[in-house]
Amino acid sequence: MDNVILEMRGITKTFPGVKALDDVNLQVREGEIHALVGENGAGKSTLMKVLSGVYPAGSYDGEIIYDGETRRFSTIADSEELGIIIIHQELALVPLLSIAENIFLGNEIAERGVIHWQQTFARTQGLLKQVGLSDPPTTRITDIGVGKQQLVEIAKALSKKVRLLILDEPTASLNEKDSDALLTLLMEFRKQGMTSVIISHKLNEIRKVADKITILRDGGTVETLDCHTQEIGEDRIIKGMVGRDMEDRFPSRTPQIGDVLLEVKNWNVYHQNHRDRKFLQDISFNVRAGEIVGIAGLMGAGRTETAMSLFGRSWGHRITGDVTMHGKPVDVSTIPRAIEAGLAYVTEDRKQLGLILQNDIKDNTTLANLPAVSKGGVIDEHKESRVATDYRTRLRIRSHSIYQETVNLSGGNQQKVVLSKWLFTNPEVLILDEPTRGIDVGAKFEIYTIINQLAAEGKGILMISSEMPELLGTCDRVYVMNEGRIVAELSKEEASQESIMRAIMRSGEKN
């Protein structure tokens, strides 16, 4: 493990108006798991795109030394030919093709232009066995979960004789079980001599698997930590990432809780696809003014489905139950009516459902409330710009202007744009579904601060999160869901990781 397989020296990459990388250095030894951490916008993904040829030689300064030779990759194919394979956070799989077709897409086993399917399926079965998947090679990608899709991506990398595997936020969309399985697989690959570079915001996972940790901040290298020669705590890593100690992960708050704003009673929803299956059963809860209420539960418990079915019936069918605001019945049967009733829903999938990524900040900010910046059906661009500028300032969205495309923002700043969009509808109750997914600890603190400010203004917050410390650190009450039901309601004093899991386990035993 003493042999250096990769060295990146003095890498500098500039985009119009911003220097994304500034004299970055990285050294990776053969057979190690090397973690790359930093806040959103620190330059992690950009550095790996330079390495893999997404940003070709000549578009950056500095040099890449791989296997002892200086390399100049003009395309991804150039780096893949030498065994450097990158798996991006947004998986590059075709949903309606089979596992086998996806693994060998662009790298088909063929003779004279004709695909040899028997060999393709045999090779696929061998690769799937390596990553611990037992699904048939003919299974469509759309029919397997995200955790398995991540393993298919790794199998695809193995088919290309990978030597250096780069994983960008590989567990961001995975539950705890699938995350553990993936990390165990990486450690097994390490035993076999494979080298991995992992980018992640989940510091507990980084500490579990990494041999070395390189920290980037503001496009530059801060330091590289050796996990075998020193004890590396999360606070130590965070200090390097944000440039300061974070004694408290969650901003302090003194709740001022008022009367009940939103109340949901006997909410029943049948499954979106399996239309004879009742998925949500007798859901009842309430949210008060100035209160942050959490919904905890394991993957598949029905948390997101509850939120989406409530917000304009955007999930499920045969929906029944009562919804009141300030004690009066409201109609939430369509999204416009839900907005009119005072609800807003910040989706867990900001890239697919929360934003139009190719549009700028200005367009996205006003998207949910265009009548407020229009007259006679025509958008007043000056008014729209004033609104977007106001929210950019209030939420401290880091960008060169309101005309920057949201696709070029960091995850934390994209999330602030989504929040801006819904705040512009002037909601009374905000439903926040995984509001800090895929963003770093510094940006999380800013999002928590915004949530606290909204609660202080008297708005009700309903927060769904898979991170129990987040729920415990921010919420005044926590509802626990399991198998489509609410199985417990816990006060802030009663709520703990143990009490939440105990409620889930006990309800599972009854069912």
Protein backbone atom coordinates (compact mmCIF):
# COMPACT_ATOMS: atom_id res chain seq x y z
CA MET A 1 0.00 0.00 0.00
CA ASP A 2 3.08 2.26 -0.10
CA ASN A 3 2.89 2.71 -3.87
CA VAL A 4 1.31 5.97 -5.04
CA ILE A 5 -1.20 5.18 -7.80
CA LEU A 6 -2.42 8.75 -8.28
CA GLU A 7 -0.99 12.20 -7.73
CA MET A 8 -2.69 15.43 -8.73
CA ARG A 9 -0.40 18.47 -8.49
CA GLY A 10 -1.36 22.13 -8.53
CA ILE A 11 -4.77 21.58 -10.12
CA THR A 12 -6.45 24.91 -10.89
CA LYS A 13 -9.79 25.08 -12.69
CA THR A 14 -11.60 28.31 -13.54
CA PHE A 15 -15.14 28.85 -14.76
CA PRO A 16 -16.48 32.24 -15.89
CA GLY A 17 -16.45 34.44 -12.80
CA VAL A 18 -15.26 31.80 -10.34
CA LYS A 19 -12.13 29.81 -9.52
CA ALA A 20 -13.48 26.36 -8.62
CA LEU A 21 -10.05 24.80 -7.86
CA ASP A 22 -6.99 26.69 -6.72
CA ASP A 23 -3.66 24.79 -6.61
CA VAL A 24 -5.22 21.56 -5.30
CA ASN A 25 -2.95 18.63 -4.44
CA LEU A 26 -4.03 15.03 -3.88
CA GLN A 27 -2.01 11.84 -3.40
CA VAL A 28 -3.68 8.42 -3.32
CA ARG A 29 -1.86 5.18 -2.54
CA GLU A 30 -2.65 1.88 -4.19
CA GLY A 31 -5.09 -0.32 -2.28
CA GLU A 32 -6.47 2.36 0.04
CA ILE A 33 -9.87 3.97 0.51
CA HIS A 34 -9.23 7.71 0.28
CA ALA A 35 -12.02 10.06 1.36
CA LEU A 36 -12.50 13.51 -0.14
CA VAL A 37 -14.57 15.83 2.06
CA GLY A 38 -15.56 19.48 2.10
CA GLU A 39 -18.55 21.77 2.04
CA ASN A 40 -20.73 22.02 -1.06
CA GLY A 41 -18.83 24.11 -3.58
CA ALA A 42 -15.44 23.18 -2.07
CA GLY A 43 -14.39 21.60 -5.37
CA LYS A 44 -14.59 17.85 -4.67
CA SER A 45 -16.68 16.81 -7.67
CA THR A 46 -14.86 19.29 -9.93
CA LEU A 47 -11.52 17.71 -8.97
CA MET A 48 -12.80 14.22 -9.83
CA LYS A 49 -14.20 15.48 -13.15
CA VAL A 50 -10.74 16.83 -13.97
CA LEU A 51 -9.26 13.44 -13.13
CA SER A 52 -11.75 11.42 -15.18
CA GLY A 53 -11.59 13.59 -18.30
CA VAL A 54 -15.03 15.19 -17.99
CA TYR A 55 -13.01 18.41 -17.95
CA PRO A 56 -10.36 17.60 -20.56
CA ALA A 57 -6.64 18.32 -20.46
CA GLY A 58 -6.05 21.92 -21.48
CA SER A 59 -9.13 23.21 -19.65
CA TYR A 60 -7.24 23.32 -16.32
CA ASP A 61 -3.73 23.96 -15.01
CA GLY A 62 -1.63 21.42 -13.13
CA GLU A 63 -0.70 17.81 -13.82
CA ILE A 64 -2.08 14.33 -13.23
CA ILE A 65 0.36 11.51 -12.55
CA TYR A 66 -1.19 8.03 -12.69
CA ASP A 67 0.81 4.82 -12.42
CA GLY A 68 3.98 6.89 -12.43
CA GLU A 69 3.27 8.63 -15.75
CA THR A 70 1.93 12.09 -16.53
CA ARG A 71 -1.51 11.72 -18.12
CA ARG A 72 -3.62 14.01 -20.27
CA PHE A 73 -7.18 12.72 -20.49
CA SER A 74 -9.25 14.31 -23.24
CA THR A 75 -12.37 12.20 -22.66
CA ILE A 76 -13.88 9.86 -20.09
CA ALA A 77 -12.97 6.97 -22.39
CA ASP A 78 -9.27 7.88 -22.02
CA SER A 79 -9.36 7.55 -18.23
CA GLU A 80 -11.59 4.46 -18.29
CA GLU A 81 -9.10 2.73 -20.59
CA LEU A 82 -6.58 2.92 -17.71
CA GLY A 83 -9.10 1.65 -15.13
CA ILE A 84 -10.23 4.99 -13.64
CA ILE A 85 -14.00 4.72 -13.26
CA ILE A 86 -16.24 7.39 -11.71
CA ILE A 87 -19.75 6.74 -10.38
CA HIS A 88 -21.64 10.01 -10.12
CA GLN A 89 -24.25 10.86 -7.50
CA GLU A 90 -26.93 10.86 -10.21
CA LEU A 91 -26.73 7.28 -11.43
CA ALA A 92 -26.19 6.89 -15.18
CA LEU A 93 -28.56 3.98 -15.72
CA VAL A 94 -31.35 3.58 -18.27
CA PRO A 95 -34.48 2.64 -16.27
CA LEU A 96 -36.27 0.60 -18.94
CA LEU A 97 -33.22 -1.47 -19.93
CA SER A 98 -32.18 -4.63 -18.09
CA ILE A 99 -29.31 -4.92 -15.64
CA ALA A 100 -27.22 -6.72 -18.27
CA GLU A 101 -27.96 -4.12 -20.94
CA ASN A 102 -26.98 -1.30 -18.58
CA ILE A 103 -23.74 -2.96 -17.47
CA PHE A 104 -22.50 -3.42 -21.03
CA LEU A 105 -24.09 -0.33 -22.61
CA GLY A 106 -21.41 1.16 -24.88
CA ASN A 107 -19.17 -1.80 -24.10
CA GLU A 108 -21.23 -4.57 -25.68
CA ILE A 109 -20.01 -8.13 -26.08
CA ALA A 110 -20.59 -8.43 -29.82
CA GLU A 111 -19.28 -9.97 -32.99
CA ARG A 112 -19.73 -8.24 -36.34
CA GLY A 113 -22.24 -5.87 -34.77
CA VAL A 114 -24.38 -8.65 -33.26
CA ILE A 115 -24.62 -8.83 -29.45
CA HIS A 116 -23.73 -12.20 -27.96
CA TRP A 117 -26.48 -12.40 -25.32
CA GLN A 118 -25.46 -15.72 -23.79
CA GLN A 119 -22.00 -14.36 -22.97
CA THR A 120 -23.49 -11.04 -21.84
CA PHE A 121 -25.82 -12.73 -19.34
CA ALA A 122 -23.07 -15.09 -18.12
CA ARG A 123 -20.65 -12.18 -17.56
CA THR A 124 -23.40 -10.19 -15.85
CA GLN A 125 -24.18 -13.02 -13.42
CA GLY A 126 -20.51 -13.21 -12.46
CA LEU A 127 -20.32 -9.46 -11.89
CA LEU A 128 -23.53 -9.40 -9.86
CA LYS A 129 -22.18 -12.18 -7.67
CA GLN A 130 -19.09 -10.05 -6.99
CA VAL A 131 -21.24 -7.18 -5.70
CA GLY A 132 -23.67 -9.41 -3.83
CA LEU A 133 -26.73 -9.14 -6.07
CA SER A 134 -28.89 -12.17 -6.87
CA ASP A 135 -31.35 -10.50 -9.26
CA PRO A 136 -31.56 -12.02 -12.77
CA PRO A 137 -29.58 -10.14 -15.45
CA THR A 138 -32.84 -9.58 -17.34
CA THR A 139 -34.37 -7.52 -14.49
CA ARG A 140 -35.20 -3.97 -15.52
CA ILE A 141 -33.49 -1.17 -13.60
CA THR A 142 -36.85 0.44 -12.85
CA ASP A 143 -37.88 -2.70 -10.96
CA ILE A 144 -35.06 -2.58 -8.39
CA GLY A 145 -34.42 -0.15 -5.54
CA VAL A 146 -31.82 2.60 -5.39
CA GLY A 147 -29.49 0.51 -3.23
CA LYS A 148 -29.38 -2.24 -5.84
CA GLN A 149 -29.00 0.30 -8.62
CA GLN A 150 -25.86 1.60 -6.90
CA LEU A 151 -24.48 -1.96 -6.88
CA VAL A 152 -25.29 -2.29 -10.60
CA GLU A 153 -23.17 0.82 -11.21
CA ILE A 154 -20.31 -0.82 -9.33
CA ALA A 155 -20.77 -4.04 -11.33
CA LYS A 156 -20.60 -1.87 -14.46
CA ALA A 157 -17.31 -0.43 -13.21
CA LEU A 158 -15.96 -3.93 -12.55
CA SER A 159 -16.81 -4.91 -16.14
CA LYS A 160 -14.35 -2.24 -17.28
CA LYS A 161 -11.48 -3.70 -15.20
CA VAL A 162 -11.52 -0.88 -12.66
CA ARG A 163 -8.32 -0.09 -10.73
CA LEU A 164 -9.29 3.27 -9.25
CA LEU A 165 -12.98 3.55 -8.33
CA ILE A 166 -14.35 7.03 -7.62
CA LEU A 167 -17.71 7.25 -5.86
CA ASP A 168 -19.45 10.62 -5.56
CA GLU A 169 -21.93 10.58 -2.62
CA PRO A 170 -22.60 6.83 -3.06
CA THR A 171 -24.88 6.52 -0.01
CA ALA A 172 -26.76 9.85 -0.27
CA SER A 173 -30.01 8.15 -1.37
CA LEU A 174 -29.56 4.87 0.49
CA ASN A 175 -31.07 3.68 3.75
CA GLU A 176 -28.84 2.54 6.59
CA LYS A 177 -28.91 -1.13 5.62
CA ASP A 178 -28.00 -0.50 1.98
CA SER A 179 -25.33 2.01 3.02
CA ASP A 180 -23.69 -0.55 5.31
CA ALA A 181 -23.77 -3.17 2.54
CA LEU A 182 -22.07 -0.77 0.12
CA LEU A 183 -19.37 0.22 2.61
CA THR A 184 -18.71 -3.43 3.43
CA LEU A 185 -18.29 -4.12 -0.28
CA LEU A 186 -15.74 -1.28 -0.59
CA MET A 187 -13.76 -2.73 2.31
CA GLU A 188 -13.83 -6.14 0.61
CA PHE A 189 -12.52 -4.56 -2.61
CA ARG A 190 -9.72 -2.98 -0.58
CA LYS A 191 -8.65 -6.44 0.59
CA GLN A 192 -8.45 -7.45 -3.08
CA GLY A 193 -6.14 -4.50 -3.82
CA MET A 194 -8.61 -2.09 -5.43
CA THR A 195 -8.16 1.64 -4.77
CA SER A 196 -11.21 3.82 -4.05
CA VAL A 197 -11.83 7.54 -3.69
CA ILE A 198 -15.09 8.30 -1.91
CA ILE A 199 -16.79 11.70 -1.71
CA SER A 200 -19.33 11.90 1.10
CA HIS A 201 -20.96 14.24 3.58
CA LYS A 202 -21.69 11.36 5.97
CA LEU A 203 -18.71 11.70 8.27
CA ASN A 204 -19.55 8.63 10.36
CA GLU A 205 -19.28 6.51 7.18
CA ILE A 206 -16.04 8.21 6.19
CA ARG A 207 -14.50 7.44 9.57
CA LYS A 208 -15.65 3.83 9.28
CA VAL A 209 -13.92 2.99 5.98
CA ALA A 210 -11.28 5.61 5.10
CA ASP A 211 -7.53 5.12 5.36
CA LYS A 212 -6.85 8.78 4.49
CA ILE A 213 -9.07 11.87 4.43
CA THR A 214 -8.27 14.89 2.27
CA ILE A 215 -10.19 18.05 3.16
CA LEU A 216 -10.97 20.75 0.59
CA ARG A 217 -12.22 24.22 1.44
CA ASP A 218 -13.09 27.03 -1.01
CA GLY A 219 -11.41 25.22 -3.89
CA GLY A 220 -8.11 24.59 -2.10
CA THR A 221 -6.47 21.72 -0.20
CA VAL A 222 -6.59 22.16 3.58
CA GLU A 223 -4.88 18.96 4.73
CA THR A 224 -4.75 15.18 4.47
CA LEU A 225 -5.41 13.16 7.63
CA ASP A 226 -4.08 9.64 8.20
CA CYS A 227 -6.72 7.59 10.00
CA HIS A 228 -4.19 4.94 11.05
CA THR A 229 -1.73 7.22 12.83
CA GLN A 230 -4.18 9.49 14.67
CA GLU A 231 -7.67 9.43 16.14
CA ILE A 232 -9.88 11.44 13.78
CA GLY A 233 -13.15 12.64 15.29
CA GLU A 234 -16.03 14.24 13.38
CA ASP A 235 -15.38 17.60 15.05
CA ARG A 236 -11.80 17.52 13.75
CA ILE A 237 -13.01 16.95 10.18
CA ILE A 238 -15.73 19.61 10.44
CA LYS A 239 -13.25 22.20 11.67
CA GLY A 240 -11.13 21.59 8.56
CA MET A 241 -14.17 21.77 6.28
CA VAL A 242 -15.72 24.98 7.59
CA GLY A 243 -12.61 26.68 9.01
CA ARG A 244 -13.99 26.95 12.52
CA ASP A 245 -15.15 24.82 15.44
CA MET A 246 -18.82 23.87 15.40
CA GLU A 247 -19.52 23.30 19.06
CA ASP A 248 -23.23 23.01 18.36
CA ARG A 249 -24.48 21.40 15.14
CA PHE A 250 -27.92 22.96 15.62
CA PRO A 251 -28.60 26.67 16.20
CA SER A 252 -30.15 27.49 19.59
CA ARG A 253 -33.88 28.22 19.68
CA THR A 254 -36.53 29.13 22.24
CA PRO A 255 -39.86 27.87 20.85
CA GLN A 256 -42.93 30.12 20.97
CA ILE A 257 -45.67 27.61 20.19
CA GLY A 258 -49.23 28.80 19.51
CA ASP A 259 -52.54 27.30 18.47
CA VAL A 260 -53.05 24.39 16.09
CA LEU A 261 -52.55 25.46 12.47
CA LEU A 262 -52.87 22.20 10.56
CA GLU A 263 -54.75 19.11 11.63
CA VAL A 264 -55.07 15.89 9.66
CA LYS A 265 -57.53 13.21 10.79
CA ASN A 266 -58.12 9.63 9.60
CA TRP A 267 -56.01 10.03 6.44
CA ASN A 268 -56.19 6.87 4.29
CA VAL A 269 -54.40 6.44 0.98
CA TYR A 270 -54.21 3.57 -1.48
CA HIS A 271 -50.93 2.83 -3.27
CA GLN A 272 -50.07 4.78 -6.42
CA ASN A 273 -49.28 1.66 -8.47
CA HIS A 274 -50.82 -1.25 -6.52
CA ARG A 275 -54.26 0.25 -6.52
CA ASP A 276 -55.93 -2.38 -4.33
CA ARG A 277 -53.39 -1.95 -1.51
CA LYS A 278 -54.10 0.53 1.29
CA PHE A 279 -50.69 2.10 1.96
CA LEU A 280 -51.48 4.76 4.58
CA GLN A 281 -53.95 3.88 7.32
CA ASP A 282 -55.75 6.25 9.69
CA ILE A 283 -52.98 8.87 9.80
CA SER A 284 -53.77 11.65 12.28
CA PHE A 285 -51.48 14.48 13.40
CA ASN A 286 -51.35 18.22 13.99
CA VAL A 287 -48.87 21.09 13.70
CA ARG A 288 -49.07 24.27 15.80
CA ALA A 289 -47.98 27.79 14.95
CA GLY A 290 -44.28 28.27 15.68
CA GLU A 291 -43.74 24.53 16.09
CA ILE A 292 -41.30 22.19 14.33
CA VAL A 293 -42.79 18.70 14.16
CA GLY A 294 -40.75 15.75 12.93
CA ILE A 295 -41.77 12.51 11.25
CA ALA A 296 -39.38 9.63 11.87
CA GLY A 297 -39.44 6.15 10.39
CA LEU A 298 -37.52 3.60 8.40
CA MET A 299 -37.35 3.62 4.61
CA GLY A 300 -40.78 2.67 3.21
CA ALA A 301 -42.67 3.67 6.36
CA GLY A 302 -44.84 6.08 4.36
CA ARG A 303 -43.43 9.46 5.39
CA THR A 304 -42.97 10.95 1.90
CA GLU A 305 -46.19 9.37 0.70
CA THR A 306 -48.06 11.09 3.55
CA ALA A 307 -46.60 14.46 2.59
CA MET A 308 -47.24 14.09 -1.14
CA SER A 309 -50.77 12.76 -0.75
CA LEU A 310 -51.58 15.68 1.56
CA PHE A 311 -50.09 18.23 -0.85
CA GLY A 312 -52.58 18.23 -3.72
CA ARG A 313 -52.94 14.44 -3.79
CA SER A 314 -49.69 14.25 -5.78
CA TRP A 315 -49.26 10.61 -4.68
CA GLY A 316 -51.72 7.78 -4.25
CA HIS A 317 -55.42 7.42 -5.02
CA ARG A 318 -58.73 6.76 -3.21
CA ILE A 319 -57.65 9.29 -0.62
CA THR A 320 -59.98 9.95 2.30
CA GLY A 321 -59.71 11.93 5.52
CA ASP A 322 -60.14 15.43 6.90
CA VAL A 323 -57.75 18.39 6.75
CA THR A 324 -58.34 21.60 8.69
CA MET A 325 -56.44 24.89 8.97
CA HIS A 326 -57.24 27.01 12.04
CA GLY A 327 -60.00 24.53 12.80
CA LYS A 328 -61.79 25.03 9.48
CA PRO A 329 -61.98 22.39 6.71
CA VAL A 330 -59.79 23.09 3.65
CA ASP A 331 -59.64 21.60 0.17
CA VAL A 332 -56.19 20.13 -0.65
CA SER A 333 -57.36 17.98 -3.57
CA THR A 334 -55.09 19.72 -6.09
CA ILE A 335 -51.71 21.44 -5.76
CA PRO A 336 -53.12 24.94 -6.48
CA ARG A 337 -55.81 24.36 -3.83
CA ALA A 338 -53.25 23.06 -1.32
CA ILE A 339 -51.16 26.21 -1.92
CA GLU A 340 -54.26 28.38 -1.52
CA ALA A 341 -55.03 26.58 1.76
CA GLY A 342 -51.60 27.61 3.06
CA LEU A 343 -49.49 24.51 2.48
CA ALA A 344 -46.08 24.23 0.82
CA TYR A 345 -44.07 21.08 0.15
CA VAL A 346 -40.29 21.07 -0.26
CA THR A 347 -39.59 17.75 -2.00
CA GLU A 348 -36.78 15.38 -1.04
CA ASP A 349 -35.69 15.29 -4.71
CA ARG A 350 -34.76 18.90 -5.46
CA LYS A 351 -33.05 18.09 -8.77
CA GLN A 352 -35.95 16.18 -10.35
CA LEU A 353 -39.01 17.66 -8.65
CA GLY A 354 -37.93 20.86 -6.90
CA LEU A 355 -36.13 22.87 -9.56
CA ILE A 356 -35.86 23.46 -13.29
CA LEU A 357 -32.09 23.09 -13.25
CA GLN A 358 -31.43 24.76 -16.59
CA ASN A 359 -33.36 27.85 -15.53
CA ASP A 360 -31.84 30.61 -13.45
CA ILE A 361 -32.44 31.51 -9.81
CA LYS A 362 -34.92 34.22 -10.78
CA ASP A 363 -37.18 31.87 -12.76
CA ASN A 364 -37.14 29.17 -10.09
CA THR A 365 -37.86 31.56 -7.22
CA THR A 366 -41.19 32.77 -8.63
CA LEU A 367 -42.25 29.51 -10.27
CA ALA A 368 -44.89 28.50 -7.68
CA ASN A 369 -46.52 31.94 -7.54
CA LEU A 370 -46.35 33.49 -11.01
CA PRO A 371 -49.60 35.50 -10.61
CA ALA A 372 -47.83 37.57 -7.93
CA VAL A 373 -45.30 38.84 -10.51
CA SER A 374 -47.68 39.05 -13.47
CA LYS A 375 -50.26 41.44 -14.84
CA GLY A 376 -52.79 40.36 -17.44
CA GLY A 377 -50.96 37.05 -17.82
CA VAL A 378 -47.65 38.77 -18.65
CA ILE A 379 -44.70 38.46 -16.24
CA ASP A 380 -43.30 41.73 -14.96
CA GLU A 381 -39.59 40.95 -15.22
CA HIS A 382 -38.55 43.91 -13.06
CA LYS A 383 -40.85 42.78 -10.24
CA GLU A 384 -39.69 39.19 -10.67
CA SER A 385 -36.06 40.33 -10.40
CA ARG A 386 -36.79 42.32 -7.23
CA VAL A 387 -38.45 39.28 -5.63
CA ALA A 388 -35.58 36.95 -6.57
CA THR A 389 -32.98 39.46 -5.35
CA ASP A 390 -34.81 39.82 -2.03
CA TYR A 391 -34.87 36.06 -1.41
CA ARG A 392 -31.28 35.67 -2.58
CA THR A 393 -30.28 38.20 0.08
CA ARG A 394 -32.56 36.88 2.83
CA LEU A 395 -31.52 33.25 2.43
CA ARG A 396 -27.89 34.10 1.61
CA ILE A 397 -27.84 32.18 -1.67
CA ARG A 398 -24.23 32.16 -2.88
CA SER A 399 -24.19 32.96 -6.61
CA HIS A 400 -22.77 35.59 -8.93
CA SER A 401 -26.32 36.89 -9.61
CA ILE A 402 -29.99 35.89 -9.77
CA TYR A 403 -29.33 34.98 -13.42
CA GLN A 404 -27.03 32.06 -12.57
CA GLU A 405 -28.41 28.69 -13.67
CA THR A 406 -29.40 26.59 -10.65
CA VAL A 407 -27.61 23.55 -12.11
CA ASN A 408 -24.33 25.34 -11.37
CA LEU A 409 -25.14 25.98 -7.69
CA SER A 410 -23.98 23.80 -4.81
CA GLY A 411 -26.52 21.47 -3.20
CA GLY A 412 -27.03 23.75 -0.21
CA ASN A 413 -27.68 26.78 -2.41
CA GLN A 414 -30.03 24.78 -4.64
CA GLN A 415 -31.99 23.86 -1.50
CA LYS A 416 -32.21 27.55 -0.56
CA VAL A 417 -33.67 28.32 -3.99
CA VAL A 418 -36.33 25.61 -3.45
CA LEU A 419 -37.15 27.15 -0.07
CA SER A 420 -37.35 30.60 -1.70
CA LYS A 421 -39.80 29.26 -4.27
CA TRP A 422 -42.18 28.03 -1.61
CA LEU A 423 -41.73 30.94 0.79
CA PHE A 424 -42.85 33.23 -2.02
CA THR A 425 -46.27 31.50 -1.88
CA ASN A 426 -46.54 32.80 1.73
CA PRO A 427 -47.46 29.43 3.28
CA GLU A 428 -48.64 28.92 6.85
CA VAL A 429 -47.33 25.34 7.03
CA LEU A 430 -44.17 24.11 5.31
CA ILE A 431 -43.65 20.40 4.78
CA LEU A 432 -39.90 19.80 4.51
CA ASP A 433 -38.97 16.37 3.13
CA GLU A 434 -35.29 15.55 3.83
CA PRO A 435 -34.39 19.28 3.80
CA THR A 436 -30.65 18.72 4.25
CA ARG A 437 -30.11 15.60 2.12
CA GLY A 438 -26.82 15.71 0.22
CA ILE A 439 -25.56 18.97 1.71
CA ASP A 440 -22.62 19.58 4.01
CA VAL A 441 -22.53 20.44 7.71
CA GLY A 442 -21.98 24.16 7.17
CA ALA A 443 -24.92 24.46 4.74
CA LYS A 444 -27.05 22.32 7.08
CA PHE A 445 -26.51 24.83 9.89
CA GLU A 446 -27.72 27.60 7.57
CA ILE A 447 -30.83 25.60 6.59
CA TYR A 448 -31.60 24.92 10.29
CA THR A 449 -31.24 28.64 10.99
CA ILE A 450 -33.76 29.45 8.23
CA ILE A 451 -36.18 26.82 9.59
CA ASN A 452 -35.89 28.33 13.08
CA GLN A 453 -36.57 31.82 11.70
CA LEU A 454 -39.69 30.56 9.91
CA ALA A 455 -40.95 28.95 13.13
CA ALA A 456 -40.24 32.20 15.02
CA GLU A 457 -42.45 34.01 12.47
CA GLY A 458 -45.32 31.74 13.50
CA LYS A 459 -45.23 29.27 10.63
CA GLY A 460 -45.76 25.58 11.30
CA ILE A 461 -43.01 23.20 10.13
CA LEU A 462 -43.48 19.50 9.39
CA MET A 463 -40.04 17.93 8.87
CA ILE A 464 -39.38 14.47 7.45
CA SER A 465 -35.83 13.22 7.95
CA SER A 466 -33.91 9.96 7.85
CA GLU A 467 -31.25 11.46 10.14
CA MET A 468 -32.38 10.95 13.72
CA PRO A 469 -29.86 13.46 15.18
CA GLU A 470 -31.42 16.07 12.88
CA LEU A 471 -34.93 15.37 14.15
CA LEU A 472 -33.78 15.29 17.77
CA GLY A 473 -31.77 18.49 17.37
CA THR A 474 -34.48 20.58 15.68
CA CYS A 475 -37.97 19.29 16.50
CA ASP A 476 -40.38 20.13 19.32
CA ARG A 477 -42.35 16.89 18.81
CA VAL A 478 -41.76 13.75 16.79
CA TYR A 479 -44.31 11.40 15.24
CA VAL A 480 -43.01 7.91 14.49
CA MET A 481 -44.27 6.03 11.42
CA ASN A 482 -44.04 2.36 10.54
CA GLU A 483 -45.73 0.42 7.74
CA GLY A 484 -48.08 3.23 6.79
CA ARG A 485 -49.24 4.11 10.30
CA ILE A 486 -48.31 6.59 13.00
CA VAL A 487 -47.21 4.38 15.87
CA ALA A 488 -46.02 6.93 18.44
CA GLU A 489 -46.03 10.62 19.32
CA LEU A 490 -43.05 11.77 21.40
CA SER A 491 -42.36 15.09 23.08
CA LYS A 492 -38.90 16.64 22.77
CA GLU A 493 -38.07 15.28 26.23
CA GLU A 494 -39.28 11.77 25.37
CA ALA A 495 -37.67 11.59 21.92
CA SER A 496 -34.36 9.72 21.55
CA GLN A 497 -32.91 7.33 19.02
CA GLU A 498 -33.72 4.49 21.41
CA SER A 499 -37.36 5.54 22.01
CA ILE A 500 -37.98 6.02 18.28
CA MET A 501 -36.54 2.61 17.38
CA ARG A 502 -38.41 1.00 20.28
CA ALA A 503 -41.70 2.37 18.93
CA ILE A 504 -40.91 1.05 15.46
CA MET A 505 -39.95 -2.40 16.73
CA ARG A 506 -42.97 -2.74 19.01
CA SER A 507 -45.36 -1.78 16.23
CA GLY A 508 -43.70 -4.32 13.95
CA GLU A 509 -44.28 -7.06 16.53
CA LYS A 510 -48.00 -6.18 16.76
CA ASN A 511 -48.35 -6.34 13.00
